[in-house]
Amino acid sequence: MARIGAAVVSGTSLFLHGPSGTGKTSLTECIPAIFDDAVWIPHAVEVDNQVIAVYDPGTHRPIDRSFSEEFDKRWVLCHRPRVIAGGELSLEMLDLQFSATNRFYAAPLQMKATTESW
């Protein structure tokens, strides 16, 4: 439990794993309430001339707030993200997913969960 506390206080991403029924989901559902803050999530980032979509309406919960005209619309103000994956988690989910139709990559789960400085 001390390791979890240290990880939560650091404010960075946290990866919990272990047998079912040990309270991982219950614990992770409470962590965002500790911070009760907002983070800026980019719609996309560019890496080596490749566009990676980061903002995901299924993962990120935008905060409904009005902004001035100078507001940079490339960013979305969101509640601190929480990504929960259960037994369905596979290695493919932790890698970039390319969309041939849209010609860009979708960010993997751990990238969507990050609140690090972009």
N, C-alpha and C. Protein backbone atom coordinates (compact mmCIF):
# COMPACT_ATOMS: atom_id res chain seq x y z
N MET A 1 0.82 -1.19 0.00
CA MET A 1 0.00 0.00 0.00
C MET A 1 0.87 1.26 0.00
N ALA A 2 2.03 1.23 0.62
CA ALA A 2 2.92 2.40 0.64
C ALA A 2 3.37 2.76 -0.77
N ARG A 3 3.60 1.73 -1.61
CA ARG A 3 4.01 2.00 -2.99
C ARG A 3 2.90 2.72 -3.76
N ILE A 4 1.67 2.31 -3.53
CA ILE A 4 0.55 2.94 -4.22
C ILE A 4 0.44 4.39 -3.78
N GLY A 5 0.58 4.64 -2.49
CA GLY A 5 0.52 6.01 -1.98
C GLY A 5 1.59 6.89 -2.59
N ALA A 6 2.80 6.38 -2.69
CA ALA A 6 3.90 7.15 -3.29
C ALA A 6 3.62 7.43 -4.76
N ALA A 7 3.09 6.44 -5.47
CA ALA A 7 2.78 6.62 -6.88
C ALA A 7 1.66 7.64 -7.06
N VAL A 8 0.65 7.59 -6.23
CA VAL A 8 -0.47 8.53 -6.34
C VAL A 8 0.01 9.95 -6.05
N VAL A 9 0.81 10.13 -5.02
CA VAL A 9 1.30 11.45 -4.65
C VAL A 9 2.18 12.04 -5.76
N SER A 10 2.88 11.19 -6.50
CA SER A 10 3.74 11.68 -7.58
C SER A 10 2.93 12.31 -8.71
N GLY A 11 1.66 11.96 -8.83
CA GLY A 11 0.80 12.54 -9.85
C GLY A 11 1.04 12.00 -11.25
N THR A 12 1.79 10.93 -11.38
CA THR A 12 2.06 10.35 -12.69
C THR A 12 1.17 9.13 -12.90
N SER A 13 1.33 8.49 -14.05
CA SER A 13 0.53 7.31 -14.37
C SER A 13 0.86 6.17 -13.41
N LEU A 14 -0.12 5.33 -13.22
CA LEU A 14 0.00 4.20 -12.30
C LEU A 14 -0.53 2.97 -12.99
N PHE A 15 0.20 1.86 -12.94
CA PHE A 15 -0.23 0.61 -13.54
C PHE A 15 -0.39 -0.41 -12.43
N LEU A 16 -1.63 -0.82 -12.18
CA LEU A 16 -1.91 -1.83 -11.16
C LEU A 16 -2.23 -3.15 -11.83
N HIS A 17 -1.72 -4.22 -11.29
CA HIS A 17 -2.05 -5.55 -11.81
C HIS A 17 -2.08 -6.52 -10.65
N GLY A 18 -2.73 -7.63 -10.87
CA GLY A 18 -2.82 -8.65 -9.84
C GLY A 18 -4.07 -9.48 -10.01
N PRO A 19 -4.26 -10.42 -9.11
CA PRO A 19 -5.42 -11.32 -9.22
C PRO A 19 -6.74 -10.57 -9.06
N SER A 20 -7.77 -11.14 -9.64
CA SER A 20 -9.09 -10.51 -9.54
C SER A 20 -9.60 -10.57 -8.10
N GLY A 21 -10.43 -9.60 -7.78
CA GLY A 21 -11.04 -9.57 -6.46
C GLY A 21 -10.18 -8.97 -5.37
N THR A 22 -9.12 -8.26 -5.73
CA THR A 22 -8.23 -7.69 -4.71
C THR A 22 -8.45 -6.19 -4.50
N GLY A 23 -9.45 -5.60 -5.19
CA GLY A 23 -9.78 -4.20 -4.96
C GLY A 23 -9.10 -3.20 -5.87
N LYS A 24 -8.48 -3.66 -6.96
CA LYS A 24 -7.78 -2.75 -7.87
C LYS A 24 -8.74 -1.73 -8.48
N THR A 25 -9.87 -2.19 -8.98
CA THR A 25 -10.84 -1.29 -9.61
C THR A 25 -11.40 -0.31 -8.60
N SER A 26 -11.77 -0.78 -7.43
CA SER A 26 -12.31 0.11 -6.40
C SER A 26 -11.31 1.19 -6.03
N LEU A 27 -10.06 0.81 -5.92
CA LEU A 27 -9.01 1.77 -5.59
C LEU A 27 -8.83 2.80 -6.70
N THR A 28 -8.76 2.34 -7.95
CA THR A 28 -8.50 3.26 -9.05
C THR A 28 -9.67 4.19 -9.31
N GLU A 29 -10.86 3.80 -8.96
CA GLU A 29 -12.01 4.68 -9.15
C GLU A 29 -11.98 5.85 -8.16
N CYS A 30 -11.28 5.69 -7.05
CA CYS A 30 -11.19 6.74 -6.03
C CYS A 30 -10.03 7.71 -6.25
N ILE A 31 -9.00 7.28 -6.94
CA ILE A 31 -7.78 8.10 -7.07
C ILE A 31 -8.03 9.45 -7.73
N PRO A 32 -8.78 9.55 -8.84
CA PRO A 32 -8.98 10.88 -9.44
C PRO A 32 -9.64 11.88 -8.50
N ALA A 33 -10.47 11.41 -7.58
CA ALA A 33 -11.13 12.31 -6.63
C ALA A 33 -10.13 12.94 -5.66
N ILE A 34 -9.00 12.29 -5.45
CA ILE A 34 -7.97 12.83 -4.57
C ILE A 34 -7.45 14.15 -5.14
N PHE A 35 -7.24 14.18 -6.46
CA PHE A 35 -6.69 15.35 -7.11
C PHE A 35 -7.78 16.37 -7.42
N ASP A 36 -8.92 15.89 -7.91
CA ASP A 36 -10.04 16.75 -8.30
C ASP A 36 -9.54 17.99 -9.04
N ASP A 37 -8.74 17.75 -10.07
CA ASP A 37 -8.16 18.84 -10.83
C ASP A 37 -8.42 18.66 -12.32
N ALA A 38 -7.90 19.55 -13.07
CA ALA A 38 -8.07 19.51 -14.52
C ALA A 38 -6.70 19.47 -15.18
N VAL A 39 -6.64 18.82 -16.32
CA VAL A 39 -5.40 18.74 -17.10
C VAL A 39 -5.72 19.06 -18.55
N TRP A 40 -4.75 19.60 -19.25
CA TRP A 40 -4.91 19.91 -20.66
C TRP A 40 -4.45 18.70 -21.47
N ILE A 41 -5.31 18.21 -22.35
CA ILE A 41 -5.00 17.06 -23.20
C ILE A 41 -4.95 17.55 -24.64
N PRO A 42 -3.88 17.25 -25.37
CA PRO A 42 -3.84 17.67 -26.78
C PRO A 42 -4.74 16.78 -27.63
N HIS A 43 -5.32 17.36 -28.66
CA HIS A 43 -6.10 16.54 -29.60
C HIS A 43 -5.16 15.53 -30.27
N ALA A 44 -3.96 15.98 -30.61
CA ALA A 44 -2.99 15.11 -31.27
C ALA A 44 -1.59 15.66 -31.05
N VAL A 45 -0.61 14.80 -31.25
CA VAL A 45 0.80 15.20 -31.22
C VAL A 45 1.46 14.68 -32.49
N GLU A 46 2.58 15.29 -32.85
CA GLU A 46 3.33 14.85 -34.02
C GLU A 46 4.67 14.29 -33.55
N VAL A 47 4.99 13.09 -34.01
CA VAL A 47 6.26 12.46 -33.68
C VAL A 47 6.83 11.90 -34.98
N ASP A 48 8.02 12.33 -35.33
CA ASP A 48 8.67 11.87 -36.57
C ASP A 48 7.74 12.00 -37.78
N ASN A 49 7.10 13.15 -37.91
CA ASN A 49 6.18 13.45 -39.02
C ASN A 49 4.95 12.54 -39.06
N GLN A 50 4.63 11.89 -37.96
CA GLN A 50 3.43 11.07 -37.86
C GLN A 50 2.49 11.69 -36.83
N VAL A 51 1.20 11.79 -37.17
CA VAL A 51 0.22 12.35 -36.26
C VAL A 51 -0.33 11.24 -35.38
N ILE A 52 -0.35 11.50 -34.07
CA ILE A 52 -0.89 10.55 -33.11
C ILE A 52 -2.05 11.22 -32.38
N ALA A 53 -3.25 10.70 -32.56
CA ALA A 53 -4.43 11.24 -31.88
C ALA A 53 -4.37 10.84 -30.41
N VAL A 54 -4.41 11.82 -29.51
CA VAL A 54 -4.33 11.55 -28.08
C VAL A 54 -5.71 11.68 -27.43
N TYR A 55 -6.37 12.80 -27.68
CA TYR A 55 -7.69 13.02 -27.07
C TYR A 55 -8.67 11.96 -27.56
N ASP A 56 -9.34 11.33 -26.61
CA ASP A 56 -10.30 10.27 -26.91
C ASP A 56 -11.55 10.53 -26.09
N PRO A 57 -12.68 10.85 -26.73
CA PRO A 57 -13.90 11.14 -25.97
C PRO A 57 -14.37 9.96 -25.12
N GLY A 58 -13.93 8.76 -25.45
CA GLY A 58 -14.29 7.59 -24.64
C GLY A 58 -13.45 7.48 -23.37
N THR A 59 -12.33 8.15 -23.34
CA THR A 59 -11.42 8.11 -22.19
C THR A 59 -11.42 9.41 -21.41
N HIS A 60 -11.39 10.52 -22.12
CA HIS A 60 -11.26 11.84 -21.49
C HIS A 60 -12.62 12.47 -21.28
N ARG A 61 -12.78 13.10 -20.12
CA ARG A 61 -14.04 13.78 -19.77
C ARG A 61 -13.78 15.29 -19.79
N PRO A 62 -14.21 15.97 -20.88
CA PRO A 62 -13.95 17.41 -20.97
C PRO A 62 -14.69 18.18 -19.89
N ILE A 63 -14.10 19.31 -19.50
CA ILE A 63 -14.73 20.21 -18.54
C ILE A 63 -15.40 21.31 -19.34
N ASP A 64 -16.69 21.46 -19.12
CA ASP A 64 -17.47 22.47 -19.86
C ASP A 64 -17.22 23.83 -19.23
N ARG A 65 -16.38 24.61 -19.91
CA ARG A 65 -16.00 25.93 -19.43
C ARG A 65 -15.78 26.83 -20.64
N SER A 66 -16.21 28.05 -20.57
CA SER A 66 -16.00 28.95 -21.71
C SER A 66 -14.60 29.58 -21.61
N PHE A 67 -14.00 29.79 -22.79
CA PHE A 67 -12.66 30.36 -22.86
C PHE A 67 -12.67 31.55 -23.79
N SER A 68 -11.66 32.39 -23.65
CA SER A 68 -11.55 33.58 -24.51
C SER A 68 -11.21 33.17 -25.94
N GLU A 69 -11.28 34.11 -26.84
CA GLU A 69 -10.99 33.87 -28.25
C GLU A 69 -9.54 33.44 -28.47
N GLU A 70 -8.63 33.84 -27.59
CA GLU A 70 -7.21 33.49 -27.74
C GLU A 70 -6.92 32.05 -27.34
N PHE A 71 -7.93 31.35 -26.86
CA PHE A 71 -7.78 29.97 -26.41
C PHE A 71 -7.26 29.07 -27.54
N ASP A 72 -6.28 28.26 -27.25
CA ASP A 72 -5.69 27.34 -28.23
C ASP A 72 -6.57 26.09 -28.33
N LYS A 73 -7.30 25.95 -29.41
CA LYS A 73 -8.27 24.87 -29.58
C LYS A 73 -7.62 23.52 -29.88
N ARG A 74 -6.30 23.48 -29.90
CA ARG A 74 -5.62 22.19 -30.08
C ARG A 74 -5.61 21.39 -28.79
N TRP A 75 -6.02 21.99 -27.69
CA TRP A 75 -6.02 21.37 -26.38
C TRP A 75 -7.45 21.29 -25.83
N VAL A 76 -7.70 20.28 -25.01
CA VAL A 76 -9.01 20.12 -24.37
C VAL A 76 -8.79 20.04 -22.86
N LEU A 77 -9.49 20.90 -22.12
CA LEU A 77 -9.40 20.86 -20.66
C LEU A 77 -10.27 19.71 -20.17
N CYS A 78 -9.66 18.76 -19.47
CA CYS A 78 -10.36 17.55 -19.05
C CYS A 78 -10.12 17.27 -17.57
N HIS A 79 -11.01 16.47 -17.00
CA HIS A 79 -10.75 15.92 -15.67
C HIS A 79 -9.55 14.98 -15.82
N ARG A 80 -8.83 14.77 -14.75
CA ARG A 80 -7.68 13.87 -14.79
C ARG A 80 -8.12 12.53 -15.37
N PRO A 81 -7.42 12.03 -16.40
CA PRO A 81 -7.87 10.79 -17.06
C PRO A 81 -7.67 9.55 -16.20
N ARG A 82 -8.54 8.60 -16.44
CA ARG A 82 -8.45 7.29 -15.78
C ARG A 82 -8.75 6.24 -16.85
N VAL A 83 -7.78 5.38 -17.11
CA VAL A 83 -7.96 4.31 -18.09
C VAL A 83 -7.93 3.00 -17.33
N ILE A 84 -9.01 2.24 -17.47
CA ILE A 84 -9.10 0.94 -16.79
C ILE A 84 -9.24 -0.14 -17.85
N ALA A 85 -8.34 -1.10 -17.81
CA ALA A 85 -8.40 -2.25 -18.72
C ALA A 85 -8.32 -3.50 -17.87
N GLY A 86 -9.18 -4.43 -18.15
CA GLY A 86 -9.20 -5.68 -17.38
C GLY A 86 -8.50 -6.79 -18.12
N GLY A 87 -9.06 -7.96 -18.04
CA GLY A 87 -8.48 -9.15 -18.66
C GLY A 87 -8.36 -9.04 -20.17
N GLU A 88 -9.08 -8.09 -20.76
CA GLU A 88 -9.01 -7.92 -22.22
C GLU A 88 -7.74 -7.20 -22.66
N LEU A 89 -6.94 -6.70 -21.72
CA LEU A 89 -5.71 -5.98 -22.06
C LEU A 89 -4.77 -6.89 -22.84
N SER A 90 -4.33 -6.42 -23.99
CA SER A 90 -3.40 -7.17 -24.81
C SER A 90 -2.22 -6.27 -25.18
N LEU A 91 -1.15 -6.87 -25.66
CA LEU A 91 0.03 -6.10 -26.06
C LEU A 91 -0.32 -5.11 -27.17
N GLU A 92 -1.24 -5.46 -28.05
CA GLU A 92 -1.63 -4.57 -29.14
C GLU A 92 -2.24 -3.28 -28.60
N MET A 93 -2.92 -3.35 -27.46
CA MET A 93 -3.54 -2.17 -26.87
C MET A 93 -2.50 -1.20 -26.32
N LEU A 94 -1.28 -1.66 -26.11
CA LEU A 94 -0.21 -0.83 -25.58
C LEU A 94 0.69 -0.28 -26.68
N ASP A 95 0.27 -0.45 -27.93
CA ASP A 95 1.04 0.04 -29.07
C ASP A 95 0.18 0.99 -29.89
N LEU A 96 0.83 1.79 -30.72
CA LEU A 96 0.10 2.70 -31.61
C LEU A 96 -0.79 1.89 -32.55
N GLN A 97 -1.99 2.41 -32.83
CA GLN A 97 -2.91 1.77 -33.76
C GLN A 97 -3.06 2.68 -34.97
N PHE A 98 -2.69 2.19 -36.15
CA PHE A 98 -2.76 3.02 -37.36
C PHE A 98 -4.12 2.88 -38.02
N SER A 99 -4.70 4.01 -38.40
CA SER A 99 -5.96 4.03 -39.15
C SER A 99 -5.63 4.37 -40.59
N ALA A 100 -5.72 3.40 -41.48
CA ALA A 100 -5.40 3.62 -42.89
C ALA A 100 -6.40 4.59 -43.52
N THR A 101 -7.64 4.55 -43.07
CA THR A 101 -8.67 5.44 -43.61
C THR A 101 -8.36 6.89 -43.29
N ASN A 102 -8.05 7.18 -42.02
CA ASN A 102 -7.79 8.55 -41.59
C ASN A 102 -6.33 8.95 -41.71
N ARG A 103 -5.46 7.98 -41.92
CA ARG A 103 -4.01 8.18 -42.07
C ARG A 103 -3.36 8.83 -40.85
N PHE A 104 -3.74 8.36 -39.66
CA PHE A 104 -3.05 8.78 -38.44
C PHE A 104 -3.09 7.64 -37.44
N TYR A 105 -2.27 7.77 -36.42
CA TYR A 105 -2.19 6.77 -35.37
C TYR A 105 -3.10 7.17 -34.21
N ALA A 106 -3.64 6.18 -33.52
CA ALA A 106 -4.36 6.42 -32.27
C ALA A 106 -3.40 6.07 -31.14
N ALA A 107 -3.37 6.92 -30.13
CA ALA A 107 -2.46 6.72 -29.00
C ALA A 107 -2.83 5.45 -28.23
N PRO A 108 -1.83 4.77 -27.68
CA PRO A 108 -2.11 3.61 -26.84
C PRO A 108 -2.65 4.04 -25.48
N LEU A 109 -3.18 3.08 -24.73
CA LEU A 109 -3.82 3.36 -23.44
C LEU A 109 -2.93 4.17 -22.50
N GLN A 110 -1.67 3.78 -22.37
CA GLN A 110 -0.80 4.46 -21.41
C GLN A 110 -0.54 5.90 -21.81
N MET A 111 -0.59 6.21 -23.09
CA MET A 111 -0.40 7.60 -23.54
C MET A 111 -1.66 8.42 -23.26
N LYS A 112 -2.83 7.80 -23.41
CA LYS A 112 -4.08 8.49 -23.12
C LYS A 112 -4.22 8.78 -21.63
N ALA A 113 -3.62 7.95 -20.82
CA ALA A 113 -3.74 8.08 -19.36
C ALA A 113 -2.76 9.09 -18.79
N THR A 114 -1.77 9.49 -19.54
CA THR A 114 -0.73 10.36 -18.98
C THR A 114 -1.23 11.78 -18.75
N THR A 115 -0.68 12.39 -17.73
CA THR A 115 -0.95 13.81 -17.45
C THR A 115 0.36 14.57 -17.42
N GLU A 116 1.39 13.97 -17.98
CA GLU A 116 2.70 14.61 -18.02
C GLU A 116 2.64 15.85 -18.89
N SER A 117 3.63 16.71 -18.76
CA SER A 117 3.70 17.91 -19.59
C SER A 117 3.91 17.53 -21.04
N TRP A 118 3.10 18.06 -21.90
CA TRP A 118 3.21 17.80 -23.33
C TRP A 118 4.12 18.83 -23.90
